[in-house]
Amino acid sequence: MDARKIEDKYSYRVAWSPADKEYVGLCAEFPSLSWLAPSLIGALNGIRKLAIETIRDLHRNGEAIPAPLSGRSYSGQFKIRIPPFMHRRLVLEAEENRVSLNRLISSKLAIS
């Protein structure tokens, strides 16, 4: 059994915020939470602490605690609707490059 706490399994990200002139810490599982700090480490520690407090509040109130994204499994498949002209353009590009449509789209996604 994994002994790590749930908050250690969440997806944290720290980025520079030009508007705030500080680092902002974010947690994907709690999109409404953020933490500003003058240092990268401060923003990471701040958002982690805020996530822990939020988990405790949710638990205390009997509310659902979000499952960590890291624990989910992914099939590697998803469906997307695009306009017919774009579908045709992509099929032609795939044919011209002698690759499958799936391979072409995967490579385009990998570049972005």
C-alpha atoms as a PDB file:
ATOM      1  CA  MET A   1       0.000   0.000   0.000  1.00  0.00           C
ATOM      2  CA  ASP A   2       1.279   3.466  -0.895  1.00  0.00           C
ATOM      3  CA  ALA A   3       2.034   5.368   2.305  1.00  0.00           C
ATOM      4  CA  ARG A   4       2.269   8.790   0.669  1.00  0.00           C
ATOM      5  CA  LYS A   5      -0.418  11.281   1.612  1.00  0.00           C
ATOM      6  CA  ILE A   6      -3.015  12.311  -0.956  1.00  0.00           C
ATOM      7  CA  GLU A   7      -1.660  15.865  -1.143  1.00  0.00           C
ATOM      8  CA  ASP A   8       1.697  14.459  -2.291  1.00  0.00           C
ATOM      9  CA  LYS A   9      -0.026  12.879  -5.298  1.00  0.00           C
ATOM     10  CA  TYR A  10      -1.664  16.044  -6.639  1.00  0.00           C
ATOM     11  CA  SER A  11      -0.468  17.898  -9.735  1.00  0.00           C
ATOM     12  CA  TYR A  12       1.199  21.143  -8.724  1.00  0.00           C
ATOM     13  CA  ARG A  13       2.567  23.760 -11.073  1.00  0.00           C
ATOM     14  CA  VAL A  14       4.406  27.005 -10.469  1.00  0.00           C
ATOM     15  CA  ALA A  15       4.634  29.769 -13.057  1.00  0.00           C
ATOM     16  CA  TRP A  16       5.738  33.372 -13.124  1.00  0.00           C
ATOM     17  CA  SER A  17       2.847  35.845 -13.107  1.00  0.00           C
ATOM     18  CA  PRO A  18       3.832  39.030 -14.952  1.00  0.00           C
ATOM     19  CA  ALA A  19       0.637  40.747 -13.747  1.00  0.00           C
ATOM     20  CA  ASP A  20       1.429  40.041 -10.087  1.00  0.00           C
ATOM     21  CA  LYS A  21       5.238  40.167 -10.450  1.00  0.00           C
ATOM     22  CA  GLU A  22       5.387  37.012  -8.318  1.00  0.00           C
ATOM     23  CA  TYR A  23       5.291  33.268  -8.761  1.00  0.00           C
ATOM     24  CA  VAL A  24       1.869  31.656  -8.685  1.00  0.00           C
ATOM     25  CA  GLY A  25       1.366  28.130  -7.376  1.00  0.00           C
ATOM     26  CA  LEU A  26      -1.514  26.112  -8.837  1.00  0.00           C
ATOM     27  CA  CYS A  27      -3.030  22.684  -8.246  1.00  0.00           C
ATOM     28  CA  ALA A  28      -4.829  21.027 -11.185  1.00  0.00           C
ATOM     29  CA  GLU A  29      -7.189  19.106  -8.897  1.00  0.00           C
ATOM     30  CA  PHE A  30      -8.283  22.371  -7.231  1.00  0.00           C
ATOM     31  CA  PRO A  31      -8.562  24.862 -10.123  1.00  0.00           C
ATOM     32  CA  SER A  32     -10.005  27.609  -7.919  1.00  0.00           C
ATOM     33  CA  LEU A  33      -6.935  27.682  -5.639  1.00  0.00           C
ATOM     34  CA  SER A  34      -3.746  29.663  -6.193  1.00  0.00           C
ATOM     35  CA  TRP A  35      -0.891  30.984  -4.086  1.00  0.00           C
ATOM     36  CA  LEU A  36       1.354  33.960  -4.828  1.00  0.00           C
ATOM     37  CA  ALA A  37       4.892  34.203  -3.471  1.00  0.00           C
ATOM     38  CA  PRO A  38       8.096  36.038  -4.362  1.00  0.00           C
ATOM     39  CA  SER A  39       9.968  32.738  -4.813  1.00  0.00           C
ATOM     40  CA  LEU A  40       9.265  29.603  -6.804  1.00  0.00           C
ATOM     41  CA  ILE A  41       9.679  27.401  -3.715  1.00  0.00           C
ATOM     42  CA  GLY A  42       7.440  29.719  -1.693  1.00  0.00           C
ATOM     43  CA  ALA A  43       4.665  29.422  -4.278  1.00  0.00           C
ATOM     44  CA  LEU A  44       4.976  25.617  -4.323  1.00  0.00           C
ATOM     45  CA  ASN A  45       4.953  25.359  -0.540  1.00  0.00           C
ATOM     46  CA  GLY A  46       2.046  27.806  -0.318  1.00  0.00           C
ATOM     47  CA  ILE A  47      -0.223  26.003  -2.796  1.00  0.00           C
ATOM     48  CA  ARG A  48       0.576  22.644  -1.184  1.00  0.00           C
ATOM     49  CA  LYS A  49      -0.322  24.009   2.251  1.00  0.00           C
ATOM     50  CA  LEU A  50      -3.536  25.517   0.856  1.00  0.00           C
ATOM     51  CA  ALA A  51      -4.432  22.173  -0.759  1.00  0.00           C
ATOM     52  CA  ILE A  52      -3.905  20.400   2.590  1.00  0.00           C
ATOM     53  CA  GLU A  53      -6.164  22.927   4.353  1.00  0.00           C
ATOM     54  CA  THR A  54      -8.796  22.520   1.636  1.00  0.00           C
ATOM     55  CA  ILE A  55      -8.675  18.718   1.930  1.00  0.00           C
ATOM     56  CA  ARG A  56      -9.150  19.008   5.696  1.00  0.00           C
ATOM     57  CA  ASP A  57     -12.115  21.372   5.252  1.00  0.00           C
ATOM     58  CA  LEU A  58     -13.740  19.083   2.680  1.00  0.00           C
ATOM     59  CA  HIS A  59     -13.223  16.076   4.954  1.00  0.00           C
ATOM     60  CA  ARG A  60     -14.606  17.932   7.984  1.00  0.00           C
ATOM     61  CA  ASN A  61     -17.710  18.955   6.001  1.00  0.00           C
ATOM     62  CA  GLY A  62     -18.249  15.483   4.555  1.00  0.00           C
ATOM     63  CA  GLU A  63     -17.612  16.704   1.004  1.00  0.00           C
ATOM     64  CA  ALA A  64     -15.896  14.768  -1.778  1.00  0.00           C
ATOM     65  CA  ILE A  65     -12.124  15.104  -2.032  1.00  0.00           C
ATOM     66  CA  PRO A  66     -10.881  15.171  -5.641  1.00  0.00           C
ATOM     67  CA  ALA A  67      -8.907  12.133  -6.738  1.00  0.00           C
ATOM     68  CA  PRO A  68      -5.345  12.904  -7.850  1.00  0.00           C
ATOM     69  CA  LEU A  69      -4.861  13.034 -11.620  1.00  0.00           C
ATOM     70  CA  SER A  70      -1.729  10.917 -11.122  1.00  0.00           C
ATOM     71  CA  GLY A  71      -3.889   7.977 -10.046  1.00  0.00           C
ATOM     72  CA  ARG A  72      -6.095   7.963 -13.114  1.00  0.00           C
ATOM     73  CA  SER A  73      -5.486   5.700 -16.061  1.00  0.00           C
ATOM     74  CA  TYR A  74      -5.829   6.918 -19.606  1.00  0.00           C
ATOM     75  CA  SER A  75      -6.810   4.898 -22.666  1.00  0.00           C
ATOM     76  CA  GLY A  76      -4.891   7.065 -25.103  1.00  0.00           C
ATOM     77  CA  GLN A  77      -8.093   7.670 -27.039  1.00  0.00           C
ATOM     78  CA  PHE A  78     -10.396  10.657 -27.239  1.00  0.00           C
ATOM     79  CA  LYS A  79     -12.932  11.868 -29.750  1.00  0.00           C
ATOM     80  CA  ILE A  80     -12.924  15.287 -31.287  1.00  0.00           C
ATOM     81  CA  ARG A  81     -15.369  16.960 -33.651  1.00  0.00           C
ATOM     82  CA  ILE A  82     -13.910  19.174 -36.345  1.00  0.00           C
ATOM     83  CA  PRO A  83     -15.416  20.848 -39.407  1.00  0.00           C
ATOM     84  CA  PRO A  84     -15.534  18.609 -42.508  1.00  0.00           C
ATOM     85  CA  PHE A  85     -13.145  20.865 -44.462  1.00  0.00           C
ATOM     86  CA  MET A  86     -10.523  20.472 -41.731  1.00  0.00           C
ATOM     87  CA  HIS A  87     -11.016  16.698 -41.661  1.00  0.00           C
ATOM     88  CA  ARG A  88     -10.481  16.564 -45.429  1.00  0.00           C
ATOM     89  CA  ARG A  89      -7.386  18.792 -45.206  1.00  0.00           C
ATOM     90  CA  LEU A  90      -5.863  16.556 -42.530  1.00  0.00           C
ATOM     91  CA  VAL A  91      -6.609  13.369 -44.481  1.00  0.00           C
ATOM     92  CA  LEU A  92      -4.926  14.859 -47.556  1.00  0.00           C
ATOM     93  CA  GLU A  93      -1.893  15.911 -45.537  1.00  0.00           C
ATOM     94  CA  ALA A  94      -1.636  12.441 -44.018  1.00  0.00           C
ATOM     95  CA  GLU A  95      -1.864  10.829 -47.455  1.00  0.00           C
ATOM     96  CA  GLU A  96       0.764  13.161 -48.874  1.00  0.00           C
ATOM     97  CA  ASN A  97       3.092  12.267 -45.991  1.00  0.00           C
ATOM     98  CA  ARG A  98       2.246   8.553 -46.286  1.00  0.00           C
ATOM     99  CA  VAL A  99       1.218   8.291 -42.645  1.00  0.00           C
ATOM    100  CA  SER A 100      -2.068   7.465 -40.959  1.00  0.00           C
ATOM    101  CA  LEU A 101      -4.401  10.252 -39.923  1.00  0.00           C
ATOM    102  CA  ASN A 102      -3.856   9.204 -36.313  1.00  0.00           C
ATOM    103  CA  ARG A 103      -0.054   9.460 -36.679  1.00  0.00           C
ATOM    104  CA  LEU A 104      -0.308  12.889 -38.305  1.00  0.00           C
ATOM    105  CA  ILE A 105      -2.570  14.300 -35.591  1.00  0.00           C
ATOM    106  CA  SER A 106      -0.463  12.741 -32.816  1.00  0.00           C
ATOM    107  CA  SER A 107       2.663  14.393 -34.216  1.00  0.00           C
ATOM    108  CA  LYS A 108       0.884  17.745 -34.483  1.00  0.00           C
ATOM    109  CA  LEU A 109      -0.258  17.488 -30.866  1.00  0.00           C
ATOM    110  CA  ALA A 110       3.236  16.537 -29.726  1.00  0.00           C
ATOM    111  CA  ILE A 111       4.660  19.699 -31.296  1.00  0.00           C
ATOM    112  CA  SER A 112       2.254  22.078 -29.506  1.00  0.00           C
END
